[in-house]
Protein backbone atom coordinates (compact mmCIF):
# COMPACT_ATOMS: atom_id res chain seq x y z
CA MET A 1 84.73 115.47 89.45
CA ALA A 2 81.80 117.98 88.92
CA MET A 3 84.35 120.77 88.36
CA LEU A 4 86.21 118.75 85.74
CA VAL A 5 83.04 117.97 83.97
CA ALA A 6 81.87 121.57 84.11
CA GLN A 7 85.15 122.91 82.82
CA THR A 8 85.20 120.41 80.00
CA LEU A 9 81.66 121.15 78.89
CA THR A 10 82.42 124.82 79.01
CA ARG A 11 85.43 124.58 76.78
CA PHE A 12 83.34 122.26 74.44
CA LEU A 13 80.57 124.71 74.15
CA ASP A 14 82.94 127.56 73.62
CA GLY A 15 84.16 125.70 70.49
CA LEU A 16 80.75 125.15 68.99
CA PRO A 17 80.15 126.98 65.70
CA GLY A 18 78.05 130.10 65.53
CA GLY A 19 79.61 133.09 67.09
CA GLY A 20 81.51 134.67 69.87
CA VAL A 21 81.55 134.17 73.55
CA SER A 22 79.47 136.29 75.94
CA ASN A 23 80.97 137.99 78.88
CA GLY A 24 78.96 135.79 81.26
CA VAL A 25 80.48 132.60 79.65
CA GLN A 26 83.89 134.17 79.91
CA GLY A 27 83.39 134.75 83.55
CA ILE A 28 82.25 131.19 84.09
CA ASN A 29 85.17 129.96 82.24
CA ALA A 30 87.68 132.06 84.35
CA PHE A 31 85.92 130.86 87.54
CA LEU A 32 86.16 127.22 86.56
CA ASP A 33 89.79 127.69 85.50
CA PHE A 34 90.75 129.08 88.80
CA VAL A 35 88.87 126.47 90.77
CA LEU A 36 90.39 123.61 88.83
CA VAL A 37 93.96 124.93 89.04
CA SER A 38 93.55 125.49 92.83
CA ARG A 39 91.90 122.19 93.61
CA ILE A 40 93.26 119.56 91.22
CA GLY A 41 95.81 117.47 93.20
CA ALA A 42 95.69 114.16 91.58
CA VAL A 43 95.83 112.59 88.12
CA PRO A 44 92.30 112.16 86.71
CA SER A 45 90.96 108.69 86.68
CA ALA A 46 90.67 106.51 83.54
CA ALA A 47 86.96 107.24 83.37
CA MET A 48 87.56 111.04 83.32
CA LEU A 49 90.28 110.72 80.79
CA ALA A 50 87.97 108.76 78.57
CA LEU A 51 85.27 111.48 78.96
CA LEU A 52 87.93 114.13 78.01
CA THR A 53 88.99 112.04 75.02
CA VAL A 54 85.48 112.11 73.71
CA VAL A 55 84.76 115.79 74.32
CA PHE A 56 88.02 117.18 72.93
CA THR A 57 87.90 114.90 69.92
CA VAL A 58 84.45 115.98 69.06
CA LEU A 59 85.45 119.65 69.81
CA ALA A 60 88.44 119.55 67.43
CA TYR A 61 86.49 117.71 64.64
CA ARG A 62 83.28 119.78 64.78
CA ARG A 63 85.02 123.10 65.04
CA GLN A 64 87.00 122.44 61.94
CA HIS A 65 84.22 120.67 59.97
CA SER A 66 81.37 123.08 60.73
CA GLU A 67 83.22 126.32 60.49
CA GLN A 68 84.87 125.44 57.22
CA GLU A 69 81.52 124.31 55.90
CA LEU A 70 79.86 127.64 56.83
CA THR A 71 82.62 129.93 55.42
CA GLY A 72 84.64 127.79 53.07
CA LYS A 73 87.88 128.66 54.85
CA PRO A 74 89.27 128.44 58.23
CA VAL A 75 87.62 130.85 60.70
CA VAL A 76 89.55 132.82 63.29
CA ARG A 77 87.25 133.41 66.23
CA GLN A 78 87.59 136.61 68.30
CA ARG A 79 87.57 136.54 72.03
CA ALA A 80 87.47 139.65 74.27
CA ALA A 81 90.47 139.97 76.56
CA LYS A 82 89.95 138.74 80.01
CA ALA A 83 91.68 139.05 83.31
CA ALA A 84 94.90 136.90 83.75
CA VAL A 85 93.86 133.88 85.68
CA PRO A 86 95.50 130.37 85.95
CA THR A 87 94.35 128.16 83.03
CA MET A 88 94.41 124.49 82.46
CA GLN A 89 95.61 123.64 79.01
CA ALA A 90 93.49 120.92 77.32
CA PRO A 91 95.64 117.83 76.25
CA SER A 92 95.34 116.83 72.74
CA PRO A 93 92.97 113.87 71.93
CA GLU A 94 95.86 111.76 70.85
CA ARG A 95 97.69 112.34 74.19
CA ILE A 96 94.53 111.45 76.10
CA ALA A 97 93.90 108.42 73.99
CA LYS A 98 97.40 107.29 74.59
CA ALA A 99 96.90 107.83 78.43
CA VAL A 100 93.90 105.55 78.56
CA GLY A 101 95.27 103.01 76.07
CA ARG A 102 92.55 103.44 73.47
CA PRO A 103 92.18 105.16 70.13
CA PRO A 104 90.15 108.43 70.19
CA PRO A 105 86.42 107.80 69.36
CA GLN A 106 85.21 109.00 66.01
CA ALA A 107 82.95 112.05 66.21
CA ALA A 108 79.54 112.03 64.38
CA ASP A 109 79.98 113.56 60.94
CA ARG A 110 77.35 116.24 61.51
CA PRO A 111 77.07 119.57 63.36
CA LEU A 112 75.12 119.82 66.63
CA THR A 113 71.38 120.30 66.28
CA GLY A 114 69.75 123.28 68.13
CA ALA A 115 68.22 120.88 70.78
CA GLU A 116 71.70 119.28 71.39
CA HIS A 117 73.23 122.77 71.76
CA GLN A 118 70.51 123.90 74.27
CA PHE A 119 70.93 120.67 76.22
CA LEU A 120 74.67 121.18 76.67
CA VAL A 121 74.15 124.84 77.46
CA LYS A 122 71.68 123.73 80.17
CA ILE A 123 74.26 121.22 81.59
CA ARG A 124 76.91 124.04 81.72
CA GLU A 125 74.60 126.37 83.48
CA ASP A 126 73.55 123.77 85.93
CA LEU A 127 77.09 122.85 86.77
CA ALA A 128 78.30 126.41 87.08
CA GLY A 129 75.43 127.10 89.45
CA GLN A 130 76.33 124.02 91.54
CA LEU A 131 79.95 125.28 91.79
CA VAL A 132 78.78 128.71 92.86
CA HIS A 133 76.43 127.12 95.40
CA GLU A 134 79.30 125.04 96.68
CA GLN A 135 81.58 128.03 97.08
CA LYS A 136 78.92 129.84 99.04
CA LEU A 137 78.61 126.99 101.45
CA MET A 138 82.42 126.73 101.94
CA ASP A 139 82.65 130.55 102.58
CA ALA A 140 79.83 130.32 105.16
CA GLN A 141 81.43 127.56 107.28
CA ALA A 142 82.88 128.63 110.53
CA THR A 143 80.88 131.88 110.43
CA GLU A 144 77.77 130.47 112.09
CA PRO A 145 76.68 132.38 115.32
CA VAL A 146 76.65 129.13 117.16
CA VAL A 147 76.87 125.40 116.35
CA VAL A 148 76.77 122.25 118.46
CA ARG A 149 79.25 119.30 118.28
CA LEU A 150 78.21 115.79 119.56
CA VAL A 151 81.34 114.78 121.34
CA PRO A 152 81.46 111.01 122.34
CA GLN A 153 82.37 110.54 125.95
CA ILE A 154 85.85 108.88 126.03
CA PRO A 155 86.24 107.70 128.82
CA LEU A 156 82.54 107.08 129.30
CA ARG A 157 80.75 108.75 132.29
CA ASP A 158 77.06 108.54 131.79
CA VAL A 159 76.75 104.85 130.91
CA ASP A 160 73.46 104.21 132.63
CA HIS A 161 71.80 107.67 132.49
CA PRO A 162 72.90 109.67 129.48
CA ARG A 163 71.19 112.88 128.50
CA SER A 164 72.07 112.52 124.83
CA TRP A 165 73.35 109.57 122.89
CA LEU A 166 74.04 107.89 119.59
CA GLY A 167 72.96 104.31 118.78
CA GLY A 168 71.70 101.78 121.15
CA ALA A 169 67.99 102.11 121.90
CA PRO A 170 65.61 105.04 122.44
CA ALA A 171 64.16 105.99 125.95
CA MET A 172 60.47 106.73 125.21
CA ALA A 173 57.15 105.91 126.67
CA GLU A 174 55.54 102.56 125.99
CA HIS A 175 52.41 104.12 124.44
CA ILE A 176 54.44 105.64 121.62
CA PRO A 177 54.36 103.35 118.62
CA TRP A 178 57.76 102.33 117.26
CA PRO A 179 58.34 104.36 114.04
CA VAL A 180 57.55 102.52 110.78
CA ILE A 181 58.88 103.95 107.45
CA ASP A 182 57.46 102.62 104.18
CA GLY A 183 56.18 99.46 105.97
CA ARG A 184 59.45 98.68 107.73
CA ASN A 185 60.32 99.06 111.40
CA ALA A 186 62.95 101.86 111.55
CA ASN A 187 66.38 101.73 113.12
CA PHE A 188 67.11 104.08 115.91
CA LEU A 189 70.04 106.54 115.33
CA ALA A 190 70.16 109.05 118.18
CA GLN A 191 68.30 110.92 121.00
CA ILE A 192 69.29 114.48 121.79
CA CYS A 193 68.21 116.44 124.88
CA CYS A 194 66.67 119.68 123.71
CA ALA A 195 67.27 121.38 127.11
CA ASP A 196 71.01 121.22 126.63
CA LEU A 197 70.94 123.01 123.22
CA PRO A 198 71.99 126.65 123.22
CA ALA A 199 69.11 129.16 123.15
CA ASP A 200 70.23 130.84 119.92
CA LEU A 201 70.89 127.60 117.89
CA TRP A 202 68.95 127.50 114.67
CA ASP A 203 68.20 131.21 115.09
CA GLY A 204 66.46 130.50 118.35
CA LEU A 205 63.99 128.07 116.58
CA GLY A 206 63.02 124.61 117.49
CA PRO A 207 62.25 122.99 120.92
CA ARG A 208 64.31 123.59 124.07
CA ASP A 209 62.45 120.97 126.10
CA GLY A 210 62.12 117.14 125.77
CA TRP A 211 64.10 115.12 123.36
CA LEU A 212 64.48 114.68 119.55
CA ALA A 213 64.74 111.04 118.60
CA PHE A 214 65.94 110.05 115.14
CA PHE A 215 65.14 106.86 113.32
CA ILE A 216 66.14 105.66 109.77
CA HIS A 217 64.75 103.12 107.34
CA PRO A 218 66.61 99.87 107.44
CA THR A 219 67.97 100.18 103.82
CA ASP A 220 66.73 103.51 102.49
CA TYR A 221 67.53 107.14 103.04
CA ALA A 222 64.26 108.00 104.89
CA VAL A 223 64.11 109.10 108.48
CA HIS A 224 61.46 109.71 111.05
CA VAL A 225 61.99 112.35 113.82
CA LEU A 226 60.00 112.34 117.03
CA HIS A 227 59.90 115.24 119.58
CA LEU A 228 59.43 113.38 122.93
CA SER A 229 58.12 115.39 125.79
CA GLU A 230 59.77 113.00 128.37
CA MET A 231 62.36 110.34 128.59
CA GLY A 232 60.69 106.93 129.07
CA PRO A 233 62.14 103.48 129.64
CA TRP A 234 64.67 101.92 127.34
CA ARG A 235 62.81 100.42 124.32
CA GLN A 236 64.61 97.65 122.44
CA GLY A 237 62.25 97.73 119.51
CA PRO A 238 60.77 94.98 117.36
CA GLU A 239 62.60 91.67 116.79
CA ASP A 240 63.08 92.05 112.98
CA LEU A 241 65.43 95.20 113.45
CA SER A 242 68.74 94.90 111.71
CA ILE A 243 71.50 97.40 110.88
CA ASP A 244 73.03 95.29 108.10
CA GLY A 245 71.97 97.84 105.49
CA TRP A 246 74.14 100.55 107.20
CA SER A 247 76.85 98.39 108.76
CA ILE A 248 80.54 98.86 107.88
CA SER A 249 81.69 95.54 106.39
CA LEU A 250 84.41 93.67 108.20
CA PRO A 251 87.04 91.43 106.68
CA TYR A 252 85.87 88.26 108.52
CA ALA A 253 82.35 88.57 107.23
CA LYS A 254 82.75 85.44 105.02
CA LEU A 255 83.27 83.43 108.22
CA ARG A 256 80.35 82.38 110.50
CA LEU A 257 81.43 85.05 112.86
CA LYS A 258 79.50 88.36 112.24
CA PRO A 259 79.65 91.84 113.80
CA ILE A 260 77.00 92.51 116.44
CA ASP A 261 73.81 93.42 114.71
CA ALA A 262 73.23 96.63 116.62
CA TRP A 263 74.96 99.91 117.21
CA PRO A 264 76.48 100.58 120.63
CA ARG A 265 74.74 103.18 122.80
CA TRP A 266 77.29 105.96 123.17
CA PRO A 267 76.76 108.97 125.32
CA VAL A 268 77.70 112.36 123.81
CA ASP A 269 78.21 115.75 125.28
CA LEU A 270 76.56 118.67 123.46
CA ILE A 271 79.37 121.25 123.04
CA ALA A 272 78.31 124.78 121.83
CA LEU A 273 80.87 126.55 119.60
CA ARG A 274 80.96 130.17 118.60
CA PRO A 275 83.28 131.84 116.10
CA GLY A 276 86.83 131.65 117.51
CA ASP A 277 86.22 128.81 119.89
CA PRO A 278 88.55 125.69 119.55
CA ASP A 279 86.76 123.02 117.58
CA PRO A 280 86.98 119.36 118.86
CA ARG A 281 86.11 118.06 115.45
CA ARG A 282 89.08 117.28 113.12
CA GLU A 283 89.11 117.05 109.30
CA GLY A 284 89.96 113.84 107.39
CA HIS A 285 89.75 110.31 108.58
CA SER A 286 91.21 108.55 111.56
CA GLU A 287 94.41 106.55 110.88
CA ALA A 288 94.67 105.10 114.42
CA SER A 289 93.69 101.60 113.42
CA HIS A 290 95.78 101.76 110.32
CA GLU A 291 98.87 102.78 112.30
CA VAL A 292 98.28 99.76 114.54
CA TYR A 293 98.16 97.48 111.42
CA LYS A 294 101.34 98.88 109.99
CA GLN A 295 103.37 98.84 113.14
CA GLY A 296 102.36 95.26 113.96
CA PHE A 297 101.69 93.49 117.30
CA ASP A 298 101.34 90.19 118.99
CA LEU A 299 98.11 88.70 120.58
CA ALA A 300 100.24 87.61 123.52
CA SER A 301 100.55 91.25 124.64
CA PRO A 302 97.92 92.29 127.36
CA GLU A 303 96.29 94.95 125.17
CA HIS A 304 95.68 92.62 122.25
CA ARG A 305 94.36 89.43 123.80
CA PRO A 306 90.67 88.42 123.90
CA PHE A 307 88.81 89.80 126.82
CA ASP A 308 86.21 87.12 127.55
CA ARG A 309 85.08 83.56 126.70
CA SER A 310 83.23 84.71 123.45
CA THR A 311 86.16 86.64 121.97
CA THR A 312 88.54 83.83 122.87
CA LEU A 313 86.43 81.27 120.96
CA GLY A 314 86.06 83.78 118.13
CA MET A 315 89.86 83.98 117.94
CA LEU A 316 90.26 80.28 117.78
CA ASP A 317 87.45 79.95 115.22
CA ILE A 318 89.04 82.55 112.91
CA ALA A 319 92.43 81.07 113.19
CA GLU A 320 91.25 77.59 112.32
CA ALA A 321 89.06 78.75 109.29
CA ARG A 322 91.91 80.82 107.83
CA LEU A 323 94.59 78.05 108.26
CA VAL A 324 92.23 75.60 106.66
CA GLU A 325 91.64 77.96 103.78
CA TYR A 326 95.29 78.71 103.29
CA LEU A 327 96.35 75.05 103.41
CA ALA A 328 93.76 74.13 100.76
CA GLU A 329 95.53 76.45 98.19
CA ASP A 330 98.41 75.17 96.00
CA LEU A 331 100.93 77.92 96.96
CA ILE A 332 104.02 76.35 95.26
CA THR A 333 103.14 75.25 91.73
CA PRO A 334 102.23 78.84 90.60
CA LEU A 335 105.60 80.08 91.85
CA ARG A 336 107.51 77.31 90.05
CA GLN A 337 105.73 78.19 86.85
CA GLN A 338 106.63 81.77 87.28
CA LEU A 339 110.24 80.86 87.87
CA GLU A 340 110.32 78.82 84.59
CA GLN A 341 108.85 81.74 82.67
CA VAL A 342 111.28 84.21 84.13
CA LEU A 343 114.24 81.93 83.26
CA ASP A 344 113.01 81.63 79.74
CA TRP A 345 112.72 85.30 79.36
CA LEU A 346 116.18 85.83 80.75
CA ALA A 347 117.51 83.29 78.24
CA VAL A 348 115.83 85.29 75.43
CA ALA A 349 117.16 88.61 76.86
CA LYS A 350 120.77 87.35 76.87
CA ALA A 351 120.54 86.51 73.17
CA ALA A 352 118.90 89.75 72.30
CA PRO A 353 121.24 92.46 70.58
CA VAL A 354 119.77 95.09 72.89
CA PRO A 355 119.00 94.19 76.52
CA PRO A 356 115.33 94.76 77.47
CA ARG A 357 114.43 97.51 79.82
CA ASN A 358 113.07 95.13 82.46
CA LEU A 359 116.24 93.08 82.61
CA ALA A 360 117.01 94.18 86.17
CA GLU A 361 113.57 93.24 87.28
CA LEU A 362 113.79 89.79 85.59
CA ARG A 363 117.04 89.12 87.39
CA GLU A 364 115.61 90.10 90.75
CA ARG A 365 112.64 87.77 90.36
CA ALA A 366 114.83 84.97 89.25
CA ALA A 367 116.78 85.41 92.54
CA THR A 368 113.85 85.89 94.87
CA LEU A 369 111.38 83.24 93.50
CA PRO A 370 113.60 80.21 94.58
CA ALA A 371 113.75 81.65 98.21
CA LEU A 372 109.96 82.05 98.26
CA ILE A 373 109.44 78.48 96.85
CA GLU A 374 111.77 77.11 99.53
CA ALA A 375 109.98 79.18 102.41
CA ARG A 376 106.61 77.93 101.34
CA THR A 377 107.81 74.32 101.08
CA LYS A 378 109.25 74.58 104.53
CA GLY A 379 106.26 76.54 105.77
CA ARG A 380 103.43 73.93 104.91
CA PRO A 381 104.34 71.48 107.72
CA MET A 382 104.55 74.41 110.17
CA LEU A 383 100.98 75.51 109.16
CA GLU A 384 99.74 72.04 109.48
CA ALA A 385 101.20 71.90 113.01
CA ALA A 386 99.62 75.25 113.93
CA LEU A 387 96.24 74.08 112.69
CA ALA A 388 96.58 70.94 114.88
CA GLN A 389 97.46 73.01 117.85
CA VAL A 390 94.59 75.50 117.32
CA ARG A 391 92.04 72.62 117.14
CA THR A 392 93.44 71.10 120.31
CA VAL A 393 93.07 74.38 122.15
CA ALA A 394 89.62 75.00 120.82
CA GLU A 395 88.44 71.64 121.78
CA ARG A 396 89.67 72.03 125.26
CA THR A 397 88.18 75.44 125.67
CA ASN A 398 84.80 74.36 124.20
CA ALA A 399 84.65 71.38 126.47
CA ALA A 400 84.14 73.75 129.48
CA SER A 401 80.57 74.78 130.38
CA ASP A 402 79.25 77.79 128.47
CA GLN A 403 78.53 79.32 131.73
CA THR A 404 82.28 79.33 132.64
CA GLN A 405 84.04 82.60 132.11
CA LEU A 406 87.81 82.66 131.30
CA SER A 407 90.05 84.63 133.63
CA GLU A 408 92.74 86.97 132.38
CA ASP A 409 95.37 84.33 133.31
CA GLU A 410 93.50 81.66 131.44
CA ILE A 411 93.26 83.75 128.27
CA ALA A 412 96.91 84.79 128.64
CA ALA A 413 97.83 80.97 128.80
CA ILE A 414 95.89 80.28 125.67
CA THR A 415 97.49 82.97 123.49
CA ALA A 416 100.92 82.07 124.82
CA GLU A 417 100.30 78.44 123.86
CA LEU A 418 99.34 79.58 120.30
CA GLY A 419 102.27 81.82 120.12
CA LYS A 420 104.63 78.85 120.48
CA CYS A 421 103.62 77.71 116.97
CA GLU A 422 105.62 79.53 114.30
CA ILE A 423 104.58 79.91 110.63
CA ILE A 424 106.10 81.49 107.61
CA TYR A 425 103.72 84.08 106.22
CA PRO A 426 103.33 86.00 103.92
CA ARG A 427 106.77 85.60 102.38
CA VAL A 428 109.92 84.26 104.07
CA ARG A 429 109.74 85.60 107.53
CA GLN A 430 109.20 83.11 110.30
CA LEU A 431 106.97 84.55 113.08
CA PRO A 432 104.72 83.37 115.96
CA LEU A 433 101.18 82.22 114.76
CA THR A 434 99.91 85.11 116.98
CA ALA A 435 101.91 87.89 115.28
CA GLN A 436 100.71 90.59 112.97
CA ASN A 437 103.36 92.53 110.95
CA GLY A 438 103.35 95.23 108.46
CA GLU A 439 103.67 92.87 105.49
CA GLY A 440 100.29 91.30 106.29
CA SER A 441 98.54 88.79 108.49
CA LEU A 442 97.14 85.40 107.99
CA TRP A 443 94.33 85.87 110.48
CA VAL A 444 95.39 88.04 113.20
CA TRP A 445 94.02 91.33 111.84
CA ASP A 446 90.71 89.66 111.05
CA PHE A 447 90.45 88.83 114.77
CA GLU A 448 91.45 92.28 115.81
CA CYS A 449 88.57 93.70 113.62
CA LEU A 450 86.15 91.30 115.38
CA ARG A 451 87.65 92.35 118.80
CA LEU A 452 87.19 96.01 118.04
CA ASP A 453 83.57 95.38 117.21
CA ARG A 454 82.84 93.27 120.43
CA ALA A 455 85.00 95.66 122.55
CA ARG A 456 83.03 98.83 121.72
CA HIS A 457 79.78 97.06 122.67
CA ALA A 458 81.13 95.74 125.93
CA TYR A 459 82.74 99.03 126.80
CA SER A 460 79.59 101.04 126.07
CA ARG A 461 77.60 98.67 128.45
CA SER A 462 80.35 98.69 131.18
CA PRO A 463 83.89 100.10 130.76
CA GLU A 464 85.14 97.71 133.49
CA ALA A 465 84.34 94.79 131.17
CA LEU A 466 87.75 95.59 129.44
CA PRO A 467 90.99 95.00 131.46
CA PRO A 468 92.86 98.23 132.23
CA ALA A 469 95.67 97.75 129.61
CA MET A 470 93.08 96.94 126.90
CA ARG A 471 90.78 99.86 127.93
CA SER A 472 93.59 102.35 127.49
CA TYR A 473 94.46 100.81 124.11
CA PHE A 474 90.79 101.03 122.77
CA GLU A 475 90.13 104.46 124.20
CA ALA A 476 93.14 105.89 122.36
CA ILE A 477 91.75 104.51 119.03
CA TRP A 478 88.15 105.50 119.84
CA LYS A 479 89.17 109.00 120.89
CA ASP A 480 90.87 109.58 117.59
CA GLN A 481 88.00 108.02 115.57
CA ALA A 482 85.48 110.13 117.43
CA ALA A 483 87.35 113.37 116.72
CA HIS A 484 87.28 112.63 112.92
CA GLU A 485 83.70 111.33 112.76
CA MET A 486 82.05 113.94 115.05
CA ALA A 487 78.36 114.64 114.43
CA GLY A 488 77.00 118.16 114.60
CA MET A 489 73.85 120.42 114.61
CA GLY A 490 73.14 123.93 113.46
CA HIS A 491 76.23 124.20 111.13
CA VAL A 492 76.57 124.55 107.42
CA PRO A 493 76.93 120.99 106.29
CA PHE A 494 80.46 119.64 106.65
CA GLU A 495 80.43 118.31 103.13
CA TYR A 496 78.54 119.40 100.01
CA VAL A 497 74.86 118.67 99.72
CA HIS A 498 72.68 119.75 96.67
CA GLN A 499 69.81 121.23 98.59
CA PHE A 500 70.69 123.75 101.26
CA ASP A 501 69.58 127.40 101.28
CA LEU A 502 71.66 129.51 103.71
CA ASP A 503 68.69 131.84 104.29
CA LYS A 504 66.00 129.20 104.63
CA ASP A 505 67.44 125.97 105.83
CA VAL A 506 69.26 124.74 109.01
CA THR A 507 71.16 121.48 109.73
CA LEU A 508 69.00 119.52 112.19
CA LEU A 509 71.68 116.80 112.50
CA GLU A 510 74.63 115.58 110.49
CA LEU A 511 76.08 112.08 111.06
CA PRO A 512 79.35 111.15 109.39
CA THR A 513 80.17 107.56 108.56
CA SER A 514 81.80 106.19 111.81
CA ASN A 515 83.96 103.29 112.72
CA LEU A 516 83.26 104.10 116.35
CA MET A 517 79.57 103.61 115.83
CA GLY A 518 79.82 100.97 113.01
CA TRP A 519 77.55 102.79 110.50
CA MET A 520 78.28 103.90 106.89
CA PHE A 521 76.26 106.25 104.68
CA GLY A 522 76.86 106.51 100.94
CA ASP A 523 80.42 105.94 99.97
CA VAL A 524 81.86 106.72 103.36
CA ASP A 525 79.97 109.99 103.40
CA ASN A 526 77.62 111.89 105.76
CA LEU A 527 74.00 111.59 106.49
CA VAL A 528 72.61 115.11 106.46
CA LEU A 529 69.20 115.97 107.98
CA THR A 530 68.13 119.57 107.10
CA ILE A 531 64.91 121.37 107.77
CA ARG A 532 63.32 124.62 106.58
CA LYS A 533 63.36 127.32 109.31
CA GLN A 534 59.57 127.70 109.06
CA ASP A 535 59.00 124.05 109.61
CA LEU A 536 61.25 123.93 112.58
CA ALA A 537 59.43 126.87 114.00
CA ALA A 538 56.16 124.98 113.52
CA GLY A 539 57.48 121.65 114.88
CA ARG A 540 57.08 120.05 111.46
CA PHE A 541 59.59 117.25 111.82
CA ASP A 542 57.90 115.32 109.18
CA ALA A 543 59.27 117.82 106.73
CA VAL A 544 62.98 116.91 107.35
CA GLU A 545 65.07 116.74 104.22
CA VAL A 546 67.47 113.69 104.02
CA GLN A 547 70.67 114.00 101.94
CA VAL A 548 73.99 112.23 101.65
CA SER A 549 77.00 114.44 101.14
CA ASN A 550 79.35 114.10 98.21
């Protein structure tokens, strides 16, 4: 986005009245042209098209108006020859306006003032400088003498006595006050064993004894870093702590069931990497959960069942809530209205001298809508029967004492009982109530998201809490997520940050948004904590800079 804006403003300023173009501006133009041609891989959004409409329309109008006003005739501007580089041809204002479905805005009937010209020149210089800065950071990646990756342990080994970990609670002496940021008790993020860091990390600066403990404000991007001389007892922190401000939202949030209001404690191994070493971190985002969603599954299978009493009751609660919600909707009348409208359009199309372009689509809808109406008519009593069955099973399960845990066999019997009910959802397929298919799910995927949340907490406390088949299933998903969401130390930031001097700054810790941990920063971005080398050498952890990548 920044490159598009920079290139657009550069072209805009080149077209302003008042002289030729400097060699410096030509160089910036060539650089922006090259970057844009090499990076653009998608059609610009409507917002960007709207911006281009304004800029190019103003450019066309003011160039003609102002230059003719100054000379009395069209002016041919001279440009020095420049090296052949890929160029992006600017579309006409009319073409852009057509793309966004709006007429081109009218430009003001006056030339730019000197202040406006200087303002745009400053914007161009700032954006060009930002692009140069970004390119320097990209060129410096993978050239660092040594960096550290925080690799989550999967399978878990150091559950009770980790040396470094993400989430959970800190291990610090009781006399150390719990960090407060701007009057709010801070959330704990991570604790890192400094003795396990390579000696030459951060140019040899920083502590190599004790632990670094990281805390964050409940809702704001402010952190507190402590250098602990020893590992104390586990500290659960004040009662008002909540991760709601940083939690990844889940689809069942509108129900009474909520994700656990804490991050799991996940031990990590500190892996030092030098140039040429294989990197356990992968680019991009994990698709493991999405693949499960697309392939479909049935809750009756061992790896997808609930794993304890709490998740079993959660399953029944979600199923009941979604069935009630679905049955409350009128799912047939809108389809009948659509069918009537389509039939009317077909009648008009048959009488028209020239068939409409969407005639084939109208015929297809006229053929499929009756089948969908029939399926939903047939499916309603099936949904009602499923709801009655869910309520019967839930009442029986709730009647047992809260202290009574459900065995694997009892849970398997409950899911099998629900699976005997069949429903038609979302279109015309008849499937067990417990099935998730690639077309969608009435409630099963909501439960799977709840189960993932509960499972990572149960697993991080004791891996044996999950049955073997289920444990293998979750570990495969978590291992893929961990590889794509891996934290790091000492590297050039994974993603672009505005403030980072390669000569003066180091990355103290970078935490990507993580489904494994359940935290999200920015718009699924990275939390980047940097510090000046001189402050790191002096132990000035109150001088940590907090940024979110973009």
